[in-house]
Amino acid sequence: MLIVKFVMVVLLGLCSLASAQDVLLVGHVQRVILQPSGTENCPPPCPAEVLVEVTGLRAICIYNGGGCETMEVKPDHVYRGDAGREIWQFKSRVGEWGASFPVTEQAIVVSQEGGSVSWSLATERDGKLFIDPKRLRSIGGVPTSIGGTEELVALDDVLARLGGGR
């Protein structure tokens, strides 16, 4: 039971790394920063002090993730969030399989909901932007893919289902 409590505390701490504001934008990555755990902007995933129960049992923390990553994006168009920002920062923990933010010149679509950040490369066809529903599975709680297809999806179609077109 102690381990479950400890895991919940760690997960809550991870959620606090990102802003709770919901965001949806198209933009270009300006910089991706990787930081080790325990640095100024990347708190350690485990508490500094060992948790000791009244019974004398000690809790240990085992964490196989990496440090933290920050992606700075210059928006081309903001659909949700503060449109006045010149640069947006998205923060996340580096997971077990490594960093997830892209280092690319291509435009990307970034969604942040409740502290969780996801993104897709933006593909332009016939003047419309398309996203990969395998990378960006939902926006505002609405699945990006209809019927489980893995084909690229027009961002305008997803926004229309959200009730907030271009």
Protein backbone atom coordinates (compact mmCIF):
# COMPACT_ATOMS: atom_id res chain seq x y z
CA MET A 1 0.00 0.00 0.00
CA LEU A 2 2.88 2.33 0.76
CA ILE A 3 4.27 1.82 -2.72
CA VAL A 4 0.91 2.75 -4.27
CA LYS A 5 0.83 5.96 -2.25
CA PHE A 6 4.38 6.75 -3.24
CA VAL A 7 3.68 6.16 -6.93
CA MET A 8 0.66 8.48 -6.71
CA VAL A 9 2.83 11.22 -5.17
CA VAL A 10 5.40 10.85 -7.95
CA LEU A 11 2.69 10.96 -10.64
CA LEU A 12 1.16 14.10 -9.14
CA GLY A 13 4.60 15.69 -9.12
CA LEU A 14 5.07 14.86 -12.79
CA CYS A 15 1.75 16.49 -13.64
CA SER A 16 2.87 19.70 -11.98
CA LEU A 17 5.73 20.03 -14.49
CA ALA A 18 3.40 21.37 -17.15
CA SER A 19 0.87 24.13 -17.15
CA ALA A 20 -2.72 23.09 -16.59
CA GLN A 21 -3.87 25.42 -19.39
CA ASP A 22 -5.27 23.64 -22.45
CA VAL A 23 -3.40 24.57 -25.62
CA LEU A 24 -3.70 23.74 -29.31
CA LEU A 25 -1.39 25.39 -31.80
CA VAL A 26 0.50 25.00 -35.04
CA GLY A 27 4.06 26.25 -35.00
CA HIS A 28 7.74 25.61 -35.45
CA VAL A 29 10.14 24.15 -32.90
CA GLN A 30 12.76 26.69 -31.91
CA ARG A 31 14.62 24.66 -29.32
CA VAL A 32 14.46 21.37 -27.41
CA ILE A 33 16.27 21.31 -24.06
CA LEU A 34 17.17 18.13 -22.18
CA GLN A 35 17.96 18.37 -18.48
CA PRO A 36 19.02 15.77 -15.95
CA SER A 37 16.89 15.12 -12.88
CA GLY A 38 17.80 17.19 -9.86
CA THR A 39 18.63 20.37 -11.79
CA GLU A 40 16.89 23.72 -11.36
CA ASN A 41 14.00 23.07 -13.78
CA CYS A 42 13.85 19.29 -13.37
CA PRO A 43 13.07 18.11 -9.86
CA PRO A 44 14.20 14.63 -8.87
CA PRO A 45 11.50 12.00 -9.44
CA CYS A 46 12.09 10.51 -6.00
CA PRO A 47 11.95 12.33 -2.67
CA ALA A 48 15.29 13.29 -1.13
CA GLU A 49 14.29 11.80 2.22
CA VAL A 50 13.44 8.14 2.65
CA LEU A 51 9.83 7.58 3.70
CA VAL A 52 9.66 5.61 6.95
CA GLU A 53 6.36 4.21 8.19
CA VAL A 54 5.38 4.02 11.86
CA THR A 55 6.15 0.28 11.65
CA GLY A 56 9.73 1.07 10.69
CA LEU A 57 9.36 -0.05 7.07
CA ARG A 58 11.22 2.10 4.58
CA ALA A 59 9.96 2.95 1.13
CA ILE A 60 12.32 2.97 -1.80
CA CYS A 61 11.92 4.74 -5.13
CA ILE A 62 12.78 2.99 -8.36
CA TYR A 63 12.47 5.17 -11.44
CA ASN A 64 13.67 4.16 -14.89
CA GLY A 65 12.83 7.37 -16.72
CA GLY A 66 15.27 10.05 -17.69
CA GLY A 67 15.36 13.71 -16.79
CA CYS A 68 13.15 16.43 -18.25
CA GLU A 69 12.64 17.95 -21.67
CA THR A 70 11.42 21.39 -22.68
CA MET A 71 10.26 22.26 -26.18
CA GLU A 72 10.00 25.88 -27.25
CA VAL A 73 7.58 26.49 -30.12
CA LYS A 74 6.98 29.69 -32.07
CA PRO A 75 3.29 29.60 -32.97
CA ASP A 76 2.00 30.19 -36.48
CA HIS A 77 -1.63 29.86 -35.33
CA VAL A 78 -3.10 29.35 -31.85
CA TYR A 79 -6.46 27.55 -31.71
CA ARG A 80 -6.70 27.25 -27.91
CA GLY A 81 -4.72 29.15 -25.29
CA ASP A 82 -3.09 32.57 -25.07
CA ALA A 83 -2.67 33.81 -28.66
CA GLY A 84 -0.44 36.70 -27.53
CA ARG A 85 2.57 34.56 -26.63
CA GLU A 86 5.61 34.83 -28.85
CA ILE A 87 7.09 31.50 -27.70
CA TRP A 88 5.33 28.58 -25.99
CA GLN A 89 7.20 26.23 -23.67
CA PHE A 90 6.05 22.64 -23.24
CA LYS A 91 7.60 20.52 -20.51
CA SER A 92 7.60 16.80 -19.93
CA ARG A 93 9.57 14.06 -18.22
CA VAL A 94 11.84 12.02 -20.43
CA GLY A 95 10.33 8.56 -20.39
CA GLU A 96 11.85 5.12 -20.25
CA TRP A 97 12.33 5.11 -24.03
CA GLY A 98 13.95 8.53 -24.28
CA ALA A 99 12.91 12.05 -25.23
CA SER A 100 9.68 12.49 -27.17
CA PHE A 101 9.76 16.09 -28.42
CA PRO A 102 10.76 16.48 -32.08
CA VAL A 103 13.78 18.30 -33.40
CA THR A 104 12.45 19.29 -36.81
CA GLU A 105 12.12 22.23 -39.21
CA GLN A 106 8.66 21.05 -40.26
CA ALA A 107 5.58 22.66 -38.71
CA ILE A 108 4.01 20.71 -35.86
CA VAL A 109 0.62 20.67 -34.16
CA VAL A 110 0.92 20.65 -30.37
CA SER A 111 -1.87 19.85 -27.94
CA GLN A 112 -1.62 20.22 -24.17
CA GLU A 113 -4.49 19.03 -22.02
CA GLY A 114 -4.30 18.93 -18.25
CA GLY A 115 -0.51 18.89 -18.29
CA SER A 116 -0.18 16.14 -20.89
CA VAL A 117 1.57 17.20 -24.11
CA SER A 118 1.20 15.45 -27.46
CA TRP A 119 2.18 16.51 -30.95
CA SER A 120 2.10 15.56 -34.62
CA LEU A 121 3.97 16.76 -37.65
CA ALA A 122 1.72 19.07 -39.70
CA THR A 123 1.34 17.88 -43.28
CA GLU A 124 -0.08 20.37 -45.75
CA ARG A 125 -2.15 19.13 -48.70
CA ASP A 126 -4.24 21.34 -50.96
CA GLY A 127 -4.07 24.19 -48.44
CA LYS A 128 -5.29 22.07 -45.50
CA LEU A 129 -3.29 20.87 -42.49
CA PHE A 130 -3.30 17.17 -41.66
CA ILE A 131 -2.17 15.41 -38.49
CA ASP A 132 -1.18 11.85 -37.70
CA PRO A 133 -3.83 10.32 -35.39
CA LYS A 134 -1.27 7.79 -34.13
CA ARG A 135 0.81 10.66 -32.70
CA LEU A 136 -1.98 13.05 -31.68
CA ARG A 137 -4.77 10.73 -30.56
CA SER A 138 -7.22 13.31 -29.21
CA ILE A 139 -7.80 17.04 -28.98
CA GLY A 140 -10.03 18.43 -26.25
CA GLY A 141 -11.14 14.90 -25.38
CA VAL A 142 -12.31 14.26 -28.97
CA PRO A 143 -10.53 11.41 -30.81
CA THR A 144 -8.71 12.67 -33.89
CA SER A 145 -9.37 9.48 -35.82
CA ILE A 146 -12.88 8.47 -36.85
CA GLY A 147 -13.47 4.73 -36.92
CA GLY A 148 -9.93 3.88 -35.83
CA THR A 149 -8.34 4.72 -39.17
CA GLU A 150 -4.61 5.41 -39.15
CA GLU A 151 -4.78 7.73 -42.18
CA LEU A 152 -3.83 11.38 -41.79
CA VAL A 153 -6.75 13.49 -40.52
CA ALA A 154 -7.57 17.07 -41.51
CA LEU A 155 -7.13 19.37 -38.51
CA ASP A 156 -10.16 21.40 -39.65
CA ASP A 157 -12.34 18.25 -39.42
CA VAL A 158 -11.24 17.62 -35.84
CA LEU A 159 -11.83 21.27 -34.93
CA ALA A 160 -15.31 21.11 -36.48
CA ARG A 161 -16.12 18.10 -34.26
CA LEU A 162 -14.85 20.12 -31.29
CA GLY A 163 -17.17 22.95 -32.24
CA GLY A 164 -14.33 25.41 -32.80
CA GLY A 165 -13.40 25.63 -36.47
CA ARG A 166 -10.65 27.79 -37.90
